[in-house]
């Protein structure tokens, strides 16, 4: 009696699983390297404050409120930025996190300094919602107001790093959030172009 043949997809699952495992191991190693690297307490405090202040996109929404007070491109940038944040936040928190269900990183195991701690969110780790929203805002506003692209991009990068530094995300979560944020901004900008044409 011959053995039943397996679907070709079954043979592909194991190599794919190994690749994901390797990526997860690299991600954990990068997180541990950040956790174990000593930094001045002033840097820890600044990044902790930034990470907390970026909750609920408070920084982006405050900048948008200032931009909205000026007519023309600044106001258009504010609308594009807030729209991109809304899409990125909903995509990250209502869809991607629920699908990924990745656990938050451990703090004690890699030796994260307690002075870096912020409140550990209860939601899944992947992707970083803070990063998704910050990148979405930076890309959308920077496209409408090119002069704002570099400072907002730098701010988004530091927000993303702060989430790893404070022990609430793996670097891969931040990368995933950045990709999601850029994609959200691209969708908003495409819709905006369609409305204007």
N, C-alpha and C. Protein backbone atom coordinates (compact mmCIF):
# COMPACT_ATOMS: atom_id res chain seq x y z
N UNK A 1 0.85 -1.18 0.00
CA UNK A 1 0.00 0.00 0.00
C UNK A 1 0.89 1.24 0.00
N UNK A 2 0.62 2.15 -0.92
CA UNK A 2 1.48 3.34 -1.05
C UNK A 2 1.03 4.41 -0.06
N UNK A 3 2.02 5.20 0.38
CA UNK A 3 1.73 6.32 1.28
C UNK A 3 0.98 7.40 0.51
N UNK A 4 0.00 8.06 1.13
CA UNK A 4 -0.68 9.15 0.44
C UNK A 4 0.29 10.29 0.20
N UNK A 5 0.21 10.88 -0.99
CA UNK A 5 1.11 12.00 -1.29
C UNK A 5 0.62 13.26 -0.60
N UNK A 6 1.55 14.05 -0.13
CA UNK A 6 1.21 15.30 0.55
C UNK A 6 1.15 16.44 -0.45
N UNK A 7 0.33 17.40 -0.14
CA UNK A 7 0.22 18.58 -0.99
C UNK A 7 1.58 19.28 -1.02
N UNK A 8 2.01 19.80 -2.19
CA UNK A 8 3.32 20.47 -2.27
C UNK A 8 3.49 21.62 -1.28
N UNK A 9 2.38 22.25 -0.89
CA UNK A 9 2.46 23.38 0.04
C UNK A 9 3.01 22.94 1.40
N UNK A 10 2.71 21.70 1.79
CA UNK A 10 3.17 21.20 3.09
C UNK A 10 4.69 21.22 3.15
N UNK A 11 5.35 20.87 2.05
CA UNK A 11 6.80 20.89 2.02
C UNK A 11 7.40 22.27 2.09
N UNK A 12 6.61 23.30 1.78
CA UNK A 12 7.09 24.68 1.80
C UNK A 12 6.95 25.31 3.18
N UNK A 13 6.09 24.76 4.03
CA UNK A 13 5.82 25.38 5.32
C UNK A 13 7.05 25.35 6.22
N UNK A 14 7.73 24.22 6.27
CA UNK A 14 8.88 24.09 7.16
C UNK A 14 10.00 25.09 6.84
N UNK A 15 10.44 25.23 5.58
CA UNK A 15 11.47 26.24 5.29
C UNK A 15 11.00 27.66 5.59
N UNK A 16 9.74 27.93 5.33
CA UNK A 16 9.20 29.26 5.62
C UNK A 16 9.20 29.51 7.12
N UNK A 17 8.80 28.50 7.88
CA UNK A 17 8.79 28.63 9.34
C UNK A 17 10.21 28.86 9.86
N UNK A 18 11.19 28.17 9.27
CA UNK A 18 12.58 28.37 9.70
C UNK A 18 13.05 29.79 9.41
N UNK A 19 12.66 30.34 8.27
CA UNK A 19 13.04 31.72 7.93
C UNK A 19 12.44 32.70 8.93
N UNK A 20 11.16 32.51 9.25
CA UNK A 20 10.52 33.39 10.24
C UNK A 20 11.20 33.26 11.60
N UNK A 21 11.58 32.04 11.96
CA UNK A 21 12.26 31.83 13.24
C UNK A 21 13.59 32.57 13.27
N UNK A 22 14.33 32.51 12.15
CA UNK A 22 15.61 33.22 12.07
C UNK A 22 15.41 34.72 12.20
N UNK A 23 14.38 35.24 11.52
CA UNK A 23 14.08 36.68 11.62
C UNK A 23 13.72 37.05 13.05
N UNK A 24 12.91 36.21 13.69
CA UNK A 24 12.52 36.47 15.09
C UNK A 24 13.74 36.44 16.00
N UNK A 25 14.66 35.52 15.75
CA UNK A 25 15.89 35.45 16.56
C UNK A 25 16.75 36.70 16.37
N UNK A 26 16.88 37.16 15.12
CA UNK A 26 17.63 38.40 14.85
C UNK A 26 16.97 39.59 15.53
N UNK A 27 15.65 39.62 15.47
CA UNK A 27 14.89 40.71 16.10
C UNK A 27 15.12 40.72 17.60
N UNK A 28 15.05 39.54 18.22
CA UNK A 28 15.27 39.44 19.67
C UNK A 28 16.70 39.84 20.03
N UNK A 29 17.66 39.46 19.19
CA UNK A 29 19.06 39.82 19.45
C UNK A 29 19.27 41.33 19.35
N UNK A 30 18.64 41.95 18.36
CA UNK A 30 18.75 43.41 18.21
C UNK A 30 18.11 44.12 19.40
N UNK A 31 16.96 43.62 19.84
CA UNK A 31 16.29 44.19 21.01
C UNK A 31 17.18 44.07 22.25
N UNK A 32 17.77 42.89 22.44
CA UNK A 32 18.64 42.66 23.60
C UNK A 32 19.86 43.57 23.55
N UNK A 33 20.40 43.80 22.36
CA UNK A 33 21.57 44.69 22.22
C UNK A 33 21.23 46.11 22.65
N UNK A 34 20.05 46.58 22.24
CA UNK A 34 19.61 47.92 22.66
C UNK A 34 19.40 47.94 24.17
N UNK A 35 18.75 46.90 24.70
CA UNK A 35 18.43 46.84 26.13
C UNK A 35 19.69 46.86 26.99
N UNK A 36 20.74 46.20 26.52
CA UNK A 36 21.97 46.07 27.33
C UNK A 36 22.94 47.23 27.15
N UNK A 37 22.69 48.08 26.18
CA UNK A 37 23.62 49.19 25.92
C UNK A 37 23.33 50.33 26.89
N UNK A 38 24.28 50.65 27.75
CA UNK A 38 24.04 51.74 28.70
C UNK A 38 23.99 53.10 28.00
N UNK A 39 23.10 53.93 28.46
CA UNK A 39 22.96 55.29 27.93
C UNK A 39 22.82 56.24 29.10
N UNK A 40 23.18 57.51 28.89
CA UNK A 40 23.04 58.49 29.98
C UNK A 40 21.58 58.58 30.45
N UNK A 41 21.41 58.82 31.73
CA UNK A 41 20.04 58.90 32.27
C UNK A 41 19.24 60.02 31.61
N UNK A 42 19.92 61.09 31.17
CA UNK A 42 19.21 62.18 30.49
C UNK A 42 18.61 61.70 29.16
N UNK A 43 19.34 60.83 28.46
CA UNK A 43 18.84 60.26 27.20
C UNK A 43 17.66 59.34 27.49
N UNK A 44 17.80 58.50 28.53
CA UNK A 44 16.70 57.61 28.91
C UNK A 44 15.45 58.41 29.25
N UNK A 45 15.63 59.46 30.00
CA UNK A 45 14.49 60.29 30.41
C UNK A 45 13.83 60.96 29.21
N UNK A 46 14.66 61.49 28.30
CA UNK A 46 14.12 62.17 27.11
C UNK A 46 13.35 61.19 26.23
N UNK A 47 13.89 59.99 26.02
CA UNK A 47 13.22 59.01 25.17
C UNK A 47 11.96 58.47 25.83
N UNK A 48 12.00 58.31 27.14
CA UNK A 48 10.80 57.88 27.87
C UNK A 48 9.70 58.93 27.75
N UNK A 49 10.07 60.20 27.90
CA UNK A 49 9.09 61.29 27.77
C UNK A 49 8.54 61.36 26.36
N UNK A 50 9.41 61.24 25.36
CA UNK A 50 8.95 61.28 23.97
C UNK A 50 8.00 60.13 23.68
N UNK A 51 8.36 58.94 24.13
CA UNK A 51 7.52 57.76 23.90
C UNK A 51 6.14 57.95 24.52
N UNK A 52 6.11 58.49 25.73
CA UNK A 52 4.83 58.74 26.41
C UNK A 52 4.04 59.85 25.71
N UNK A 53 4.73 60.91 25.31
CA UNK A 53 4.05 62.04 24.67
C UNK A 53 3.47 61.64 23.32
N UNK A 54 4.07 60.66 22.67
CA UNK A 54 3.58 60.21 21.36
C UNK A 54 2.34 59.33 21.46
N UNK A 55 1.93 58.96 22.69
CA UNK A 55 0.70 58.18 22.85
C UNK A 55 -0.46 58.88 22.18
N UNK A 56 -1.31 58.11 21.52
CA UNK A 56 -2.51 58.62 20.86
C UNK A 56 -2.19 59.73 19.86
N UNK A 57 -1.00 59.69 19.29
CA UNK A 57 -0.57 60.64 18.24
C UNK A 57 -0.66 62.09 18.69
N UNK A 58 -0.45 62.33 19.98
CA UNK A 58 -0.57 63.70 20.51
C UNK A 58 0.38 64.67 19.83
N UNK A 59 1.60 64.24 19.53
CA UNK A 59 2.57 65.14 18.90
C UNK A 59 2.10 65.49 17.49
N UNK A 60 1.75 64.48 16.70
CA UNK A 60 1.30 64.73 15.32
C UNK A 60 0.05 65.59 15.29
N UNK A 61 -0.90 65.30 16.16
CA UNK A 61 -2.14 66.07 16.17
C UNK A 61 -1.91 67.51 16.61
N UNK A 62 -0.97 67.72 17.51
CA UNK A 62 -0.64 69.10 17.93
C UNK A 62 -0.01 69.88 16.78
N UNK A 63 0.89 69.22 16.05
CA UNK A 63 1.49 69.88 14.88
C UNK A 63 0.43 70.17 13.83
N UNK A 64 -0.48 69.22 13.63
CA UNK A 64 -1.56 69.42 12.66
C UNK A 64 -2.44 70.59 13.06
N UNK A 65 -2.71 70.73 14.35
CA UNK A 65 -3.54 71.85 14.82
C UNK A 65 -2.87 73.18 14.50
N UNK A 66 -1.55 73.25 14.68
CA UNK A 66 -0.82 74.48 14.34
C UNK A 66 -0.86 74.74 12.84
N UNK A 67 -0.65 73.70 12.05
CA UNK A 67 -0.68 73.86 10.59
C UNK A 67 -2.06 74.31 10.11
N UNK A 68 -3.09 73.81 10.74
CA UNK A 68 -4.46 74.11 10.31
C UNK A 68 -4.84 75.57 10.50
N UNK A 69 -4.07 76.29 11.32
CA UNK A 69 -4.38 77.72 11.52
C UNK A 69 -3.95 78.57 10.34
N UNK A 70 -3.16 77.98 9.43
CA UNK A 70 -2.68 78.73 8.26
C UNK A 70 -3.35 78.19 7.01
N UNK A 71 -3.95 79.07 6.20
CA UNK A 71 -4.64 78.60 4.99
C UNK A 71 -3.67 78.09 3.93
N UNK A 72 -4.21 77.44 2.92
CA UNK A 72 -3.40 76.97 1.80
C UNK A 72 -2.71 75.66 2.11
N UNK A 73 -1.49 75.47 1.60
CA UNK A 73 -0.77 74.20 1.78
C UNK A 73 -0.62 73.74 3.23
N UNK A 74 -0.36 74.64 4.20
CA UNK A 74 -0.26 74.14 5.58
C UNK A 74 -1.54 73.46 6.05
N UNK A 75 -2.68 74.06 5.75
CA UNK A 75 -3.95 73.45 6.16
C UNK A 75 -4.19 72.14 5.40
N UNK A 76 -3.84 72.13 4.12
CA UNK A 76 -3.98 70.90 3.33
C UNK A 76 -3.07 69.80 3.90
N UNK A 77 -1.88 70.19 4.33
CA UNK A 77 -0.96 69.23 4.93
C UNK A 77 -1.53 68.67 6.23
N UNK A 78 -2.17 69.54 7.01
CA UNK A 78 -2.78 69.10 8.27
C UNK A 78 -3.86 68.05 8.01
N UNK A 79 -4.70 68.31 7.02
CA UNK A 79 -5.78 67.37 6.69
C UNK A 79 -5.20 66.04 6.20
N UNK A 80 -4.20 66.12 5.32
CA UNK A 80 -3.56 64.90 4.82
C UNK A 80 -2.89 64.13 5.96
N UNK A 81 -2.21 64.85 6.84
CA UNK A 81 -1.51 64.21 7.95
C UNK A 81 -2.45 63.52 8.91
N UNK A 82 -3.52 64.20 9.29
CA UNK A 82 -4.49 63.61 10.23
C UNK A 82 -5.19 62.41 9.59
N UNK A 83 -5.51 62.53 8.30
CA UNK A 83 -6.14 61.40 7.60
C UNK A 83 -5.22 60.19 7.57
N UNK A 84 -3.94 60.43 7.31
CA UNK A 84 -2.96 59.34 7.27
C UNK A 84 -2.80 58.70 8.65
N UNK A 85 -2.77 59.52 9.70
CA UNK A 85 -2.68 59.00 11.06
C UNK A 85 -3.90 58.14 11.38
N UNK A 86 -5.08 58.61 11.00
CA UNK A 86 -6.30 57.85 11.27
C UNK A 86 -6.26 56.48 10.59
N UNK A 87 -5.84 56.46 9.33
CA UNK A 87 -5.77 55.19 8.60
C UNK A 87 -4.70 54.28 9.18
N UNK A 88 -3.53 54.83 9.48
CA UNK A 88 -2.44 54.02 10.03
C UNK A 88 -2.80 53.46 11.40
N UNK A 89 -3.39 54.29 12.24
CA UNK A 89 -3.76 53.86 13.58
C UNK A 89 -4.81 52.76 13.54
N UNK A 90 -5.83 52.95 12.71
CA UNK A 90 -6.87 51.93 12.59
C UNK A 90 -6.30 50.63 12.01
N UNK A 91 -5.46 50.75 11.00
CA UNK A 91 -4.87 49.56 10.38
C UNK A 91 -3.99 48.79 11.37
N UNK A 92 -3.21 49.53 12.16
CA UNK A 92 -2.31 48.89 13.12
C UNK A 92 -3.08 48.26 14.28
N UNK A 93 -3.97 49.06 14.88
CA UNK A 93 -4.60 48.62 16.13
C UNK A 93 -5.83 47.74 15.94
N UNK A 94 -6.58 47.97 14.89
CA UNK A 94 -7.81 47.20 14.70
C UNK A 94 -7.62 45.99 13.80
N UNK A 95 -6.55 45.99 13.02
CA UNK A 95 -6.35 44.89 12.08
C UNK A 95 -5.04 44.14 12.32
N UNK A 96 -3.92 44.81 12.09
CA UNK A 96 -2.62 44.12 12.11
C UNK A 96 -2.29 43.49 13.46
N UNK A 97 -2.49 44.23 14.55
CA UNK A 97 -2.16 43.69 15.87
C UNK A 97 -3.02 42.47 16.19
N UNK A 98 -4.28 42.51 15.77
CA UNK A 98 -5.18 41.38 16.05
C UNK A 98 -4.81 40.15 15.23
N UNK A 99 -4.26 40.39 14.05
CA UNK A 99 -3.83 39.26 13.22
C UNK A 99 -2.49 38.70 13.69
N UNK A 100 -1.55 39.58 14.02
CA UNK A 100 -0.20 39.14 14.37
C UNK A 100 -0.14 38.50 15.76
N UNK A 101 -0.76 39.12 16.72
CA UNK A 101 -0.81 38.63 18.11
C UNK A 101 0.58 38.33 18.68
N UNK A 102 1.53 39.17 18.35
CA UNK A 102 2.89 38.97 18.86
C UNK A 102 2.99 39.49 20.28
N UNK A 103 3.64 38.71 21.15
CA UNK A 103 3.82 39.12 22.53
C UNK A 103 4.83 40.27 22.62
N UNK A 104 4.64 41.11 23.63
CA UNK A 104 5.59 42.19 23.90
C UNK A 104 6.93 41.60 24.34
N UNK A 105 8.01 42.34 24.12
CA UNK A 105 9.32 41.80 24.53
C UNK A 105 9.47 41.76 26.04
N UNK A 106 10.32 40.85 26.53
CA UNK A 106 10.60 40.80 27.97
C UNK A 106 11.52 41.95 28.34
N UNK A 107 11.39 42.41 29.55
CA UNK A 107 12.27 43.50 29.99
C UNK A 107 13.40 42.99 30.87
N UNK A 108 13.09 42.09 31.79
CA UNK A 108 14.10 41.65 32.76
C UNK A 108 15.16 40.76 32.11
N UNK A 109 14.75 39.87 31.23
CA UNK A 109 15.67 38.88 30.65
C UNK A 109 16.87 39.51 29.95
N UNK A 110 16.67 40.49 29.03
CA UNK A 110 17.86 41.06 28.40
C UNK A 110 18.55 42.11 29.26
N UNK A 111 18.00 42.43 30.43
CA UNK A 111 18.64 43.39 31.32
C UNK A 111 18.33 44.84 31.01
N UNK A 112 17.10 45.12 30.58
CA UNK A 112 16.71 46.50 30.30
C UNK A 112 16.77 47.32 31.59
N UNK A 113 17.33 48.50 31.50
CA UNK A 113 17.45 49.36 32.67
C UNK A 113 16.07 49.86 33.10
N UNK A 114 15.68 49.65 34.37
CA UNK A 114 14.33 50.04 34.82
C UNK A 114 14.01 51.52 34.62
N UNK A 115 15.02 52.39 34.62
CA UNK A 115 14.73 53.81 34.44
C UNK A 115 14.20 54.12 33.03
N UNK A 116 14.30 53.17 32.13
CA UNK A 116 13.79 53.36 30.77
C UNK A 116 12.31 53.01 30.65
N UNK A 117 11.76 52.31 31.61
CA UNK A 117 10.41 51.77 31.50
C UNK A 117 9.35 52.83 31.24
N UNK A 118 8.44 52.50 30.36
CA UNK A 118 7.14 53.19 30.25
C UNK A 118 6.10 52.10 30.51
N UNK A 119 4.86 52.50 30.67
CA UNK A 119 3.80 51.52 30.92
C UNK A 119 3.74 50.54 29.75
N UNK A 120 3.74 49.26 30.07
CA UNK A 120 3.68 48.22 29.04
C UNK A 120 2.24 48.14 28.50
N UNK A 121 2.06 48.41 27.20
CA UNK A 121 0.71 48.32 26.63
C UNK A 121 0.18 46.89 26.68
N UNK A 122 -1.13 46.76 26.67
CA UNK A 122 -1.75 45.43 26.70
C UNK A 122 -1.94 44.85 25.30
N UNK A 123 -1.85 45.71 24.29
CA UNK A 123 -2.07 45.25 22.92
C UNK A 123 -0.89 44.42 22.43
N UNK A 124 -1.08 43.77 21.28
CA UNK A 124 0.00 42.98 20.68
C UNK A 124 1.16 43.89 20.29
N UNK A 125 2.32 43.28 20.14
CA UNK A 125 3.54 44.04 19.88
C UNK A 125 3.69 44.48 18.42
N UNK A 126 3.26 43.63 17.47
CA UNK A 126 3.47 43.93 16.05
C UNK A 126 2.18 44.38 15.41
N UNK A 127 2.23 45.49 14.66
CA UNK A 127 3.32 46.44 14.47
C UNK A 127 3.26 47.55 15.51
N UNK A 128 4.27 48.40 15.54
CA UNK A 128 4.26 49.55 16.45
C UNK A 128 3.28 50.59 15.95
N UNK A 129 2.22 50.81 16.71
CA UNK A 129 1.23 51.82 16.34
C UNK A 129 1.79 53.23 16.42
N UNK A 130 2.65 53.48 17.42
CA UNK A 130 3.29 54.80 17.54
C UNK A 130 4.08 55.12 16.27
N UNK A 131 4.87 54.14 15.82
CA UNK A 131 5.69 54.35 14.63
C UNK A 131 4.83 54.49 13.39
N UNK A 132 3.81 53.65 13.26
CA UNK A 132 2.93 53.71 12.09
C UNK A 132 2.31 55.10 11.97
N UNK A 133 1.81 55.63 13.07
CA UNK A 133 1.17 56.95 13.03
C UNK A 133 2.17 58.06 12.77
N UNK A 134 3.33 57.99 13.42
CA UNK A 134 4.34 59.04 13.24
C UNK A 134 4.87 59.07 11.81
N UNK A 135 5.11 57.89 11.23
CA UNK A 135 5.60 57.83 9.85
C UNK A 135 4.50 58.27 8.88
N UNK A 136 3.28 57.84 9.12
CA UNK A 136 2.16 58.25 8.25
C UNK A 136 2.04 59.76 8.22
N UNK A 137 2.14 60.38 9.38
CA UNK A 137 2.04 61.84 9.45
C UNK A 137 3.21 62.50 8.73
N UNK A 138 4.41 62.01 8.98
CA UNK A 138 5.61 62.60 8.37
C UNK A 138 5.55 62.51 6.85
N UNK A 139 5.16 61.36 6.33
CA UNK A 139 5.13 61.17 4.87
C UNK A 139 4.04 62.03 4.24
N UNK A 140 2.85 62.03 4.83
CA UNK A 140 1.73 62.79 4.25
C UNK A 140 1.99 64.29 4.30
N UNK A 141 2.41 64.78 5.46
CA UNK A 141 2.67 66.22 5.59
C UNK A 141 3.88 66.61 4.75
N UNK A 142 4.92 65.78 4.77
CA UNK A 142 6.13 66.08 4.01
C UNK A 142 5.90 66.13 2.52
N UNK A 143 4.93 65.38 2.04
CA UNK A 143 4.61 65.41 0.61
C UNK A 143 3.93 66.72 0.22
N UNK A 144 3.09 67.23 1.10
CA UNK A 144 2.38 68.49 0.83
C UNK A 144 3.27 69.69 1.15
N UNK A 145 4.04 69.58 2.21
CA UNK A 145 4.99 70.64 2.63
C UNK A 145 6.40 70.04 2.64
N UNK A 146 7.09 70.04 1.51
CA UNK A 146 8.41 69.38 1.44
C UNK A 146 9.41 69.84 2.50
N UNK A 147 9.32 71.08 2.91
CA UNK A 147 10.24 71.58 3.93
C UNK A 147 10.07 70.90 5.28
N UNK A 148 8.92 70.29 5.50
CA UNK A 148 8.65 69.61 6.78
C UNK A 148 9.07 68.15 6.76
N UNK A 149 9.42 67.63 5.59
CA UNK A 149 9.68 66.19 5.46
C UNK A 149 10.83 65.71 6.34
N UNK A 150 11.96 66.42 6.31
CA UNK A 150 13.13 65.95 7.07
C UNK A 150 12.91 66.05 8.58
N UNK A 151 12.46 67.21 9.11
CA UNK A 151 12.26 67.24 10.56
C UNK A 151 11.20 66.25 11.05
N UNK A 152 10.11 66.11 10.30
CA UNK A 152 9.07 65.16 10.73
C UNK A 152 9.54 63.72 10.57
N UNK A 153 10.33 63.46 9.53
CA UNK A 153 10.90 62.12 9.36
C UNK A 153 11.85 61.77 10.49
N UNK A 154 12.66 62.75 10.89
CA UNK A 154 13.59 62.53 12.01
C UNK A 154 12.82 62.28 13.30
N UNK A 155 11.75 63.06 13.51
CA UNK A 155 10.92 62.87 14.70
C UNK A 155 10.31 61.47 14.71
N UNK A 156 9.80 61.03 13.56
CA UNK A 156 9.20 59.69 13.46
C UNK A 156 10.24 58.61 13.77
N UNK A 157 11.46 58.80 13.28
CA UNK A 157 12.52 57.82 13.53
C UNK A 157 12.85 57.74 15.02
N UNK A 158 12.91 58.89 15.68
CA UNK A 158 13.22 58.89 17.11
C UNK A 158 12.07 58.29 17.92
N UNK A 159 10.83 58.58 17.51
CA UNK A 159 9.67 57.97 18.18
C UNK A 159 9.77 56.45 18.05
N UNK A 160 10.06 55.97 16.84
CA UNK A 160 10.20 54.53 16.65
C UNK A 160 11.29 53.93 17.52
N UNK A 161 12.46 54.57 17.54
CA UNK A 161 13.55 54.06 18.36
C UNK A 161 13.17 54.08 19.85
N UNK A 162 12.46 55.12 20.27
CA UNK A 162 12.08 55.23 21.68
C UNK A 162 11.25 54.05 22.14
N UNK A 163 10.49 53.45 21.23
CA UNK A 163 9.65 52.31 21.60
C UNK A 163 10.49 51.05 21.87
N UNK A 164 11.62 50.95 21.20
CA UNK A 164 12.54 49.84 21.48
C UNK A 164 13.33 50.16 22.75
N UNK A 165 13.80 51.38 22.85
CA UNK A 165 14.63 51.82 23.98
C UNK A 165 13.89 51.67 25.31
N UNK A 166 12.59 51.90 25.30
CA UNK A 166 11.80 51.81 26.54
C UNK A 166 11.27 50.40 26.79
N UNK A 167 11.58 49.47 25.89
CA UNK A 167 11.27 48.07 26.14
C UNK A 167 9.88 47.61 25.81
N UNK A 168 9.16 48.34 24.97
CA UNK A 168 7.79 47.92 24.65
C UNK A 168 7.65 47.34 23.24
N UNK A 169 8.72 47.40 22.44
CA UNK A 169 8.67 46.85 21.08
C UNK A 169 10.01 46.25 20.68
N UNK A 170 9.93 45.23 19.83
CA UNK A 170 11.10 44.73 19.13
C UNK A 170 11.39 45.66 17.95
N UNK A 171 12.63 45.71 17.46
CA UNK A 171 12.91 46.53 16.27
C UNK A 171 12.04 46.17 15.07
N UNK A 172 11.74 44.88 14.90
CA UNK A 172 10.90 44.46 13.78
C UNK A 172 9.50 45.04 13.85
N UNK A 173 8.99 45.27 15.07
CA UNK A 173 7.68 45.91 15.23
C UNK A 173 7.72 47.33 14.69
N UNK A 174 8.84 48.00 14.94
CA UNK A 174 9.01 49.38 14.50
C UNK A 174 9.13 49.44 12.98
N UNK A 175 9.89 48.51 12.41
CA UNK A 175 10.01 48.46 10.94
C UNK A 175 8.64 48.19 10.32
N UNK A 176 7.91 47.23 10.88
CA UNK A 176 6.57 46.94 10.38
C UNK A 176 5.65 48.14 10.49
N UNK A 177 5.74 48.86 11.61
CA UNK A 177 4.93 50.07 11.78
C UNK A 177 5.29 51.14 10.77
N UNK A 178 6.58 51.28 10.49
CA UNK A 178 7.02 52.28 9.51
C UNK A 178 6.48 51.96 8.12
N UNK A 179 6.53 50.69 7.74
CA UNK A 179 6.01 50.28 6.43
C UNK A 179 4.50 50.54 6.36
N UNK A 180 3.80 50.17 7.42
CA UNK A 180 2.35 50.40 7.46
C UNK A 180 2.02 51.89 7.41
N UNK A 181 2.79 52.70 8.13
CA UNK A 181 2.57 54.14 8.12
C UNK A 181 2.80 54.75 6.76
N UNK A 182 3.89 54.35 6.10
CA UNK A 182 4.18 54.87 4.75
C UNK A 182 3.09 54.45 3.77
N UNK A 183 2.63 53.21 3.89
CA UNK A 183 1.56 52.73 3.00
C UNK A 183 0.26 53.50 3.24
N UNK A 184 -0.04 53.78 4.50
CA UNK A 184 -1.25 54.53 4.83
C UNK A 184 -1.19 55.93 4.25
N UNK A 185 -0.03 56.57 4.37
CA UNK A 185 0.14 57.91 3.79
C UNK A 185 0.00 57.86 2.28
N UNK A 186 0.54 56.83 1.65
CA UNK A 186 0.45 56.70 0.19
C UNK A 186 -1.00 56.58 -0.25
N UNK A 187 -1.80 55.83 0.49
CA UNK A 187 -3.23 55.69 0.17
C UNK A 187 -3.93 57.04 0.29
N UNK A 188 -3.68 57.73 1.38
CA UNK A 188 -4.32 59.04 1.60
C UNK A 188 -3.91 60.02 0.50
N UNK A 189 -2.64 60.05 0.16
CA UNK A 189 -2.16 60.98 -0.87
C UNK A 189 -2.74 60.64 -2.24
N UNK A 190 -2.92 59.36 -2.52
CA UNK A 190 -3.51 58.96 -3.80
C UNK A 190 -4.98 59.40 -3.85
N UNK A 191 -5.70 59.19 -2.77
CA UNK A 191 -7.11 59.63 -2.72
C UNK A 191 -7.18 61.14 -2.86
N UNK A 192 -6.27 61.84 -2.20
CA UNK A 192 -6.24 63.31 -2.27
C UNK A 192 -6.02 63.78 -3.71
N UNK A 193 -5.09 63.13 -4.42
CA UNK A 193 -4.85 63.49 -5.82
C UNK A 193 -6.09 63.24 -6.67
N UNK A 194 -6.77 62.12 -6.40
CA UNK A 194 -7.98 61.81 -7.15
C UNK A 194 -9.08 62.82 -6.93
N UNK A 195 -9.21 63.29 -5.70
CA UNK A 195 -10.24 64.29 -5.37
C UNK A 195 -9.92 65.62 -6.03
N UNK A 196 -8.63 65.98 -6.05
CA UNK A 196 -8.24 67.28 -6.60
C UNK A 196 -8.28 67.32 -8.13
N UNK A 197 -8.18 66.15 -8.78
CA UNK A 197 -8.13 66.15 -10.25
C UNK A 197 -9.53 66.13 -10.87
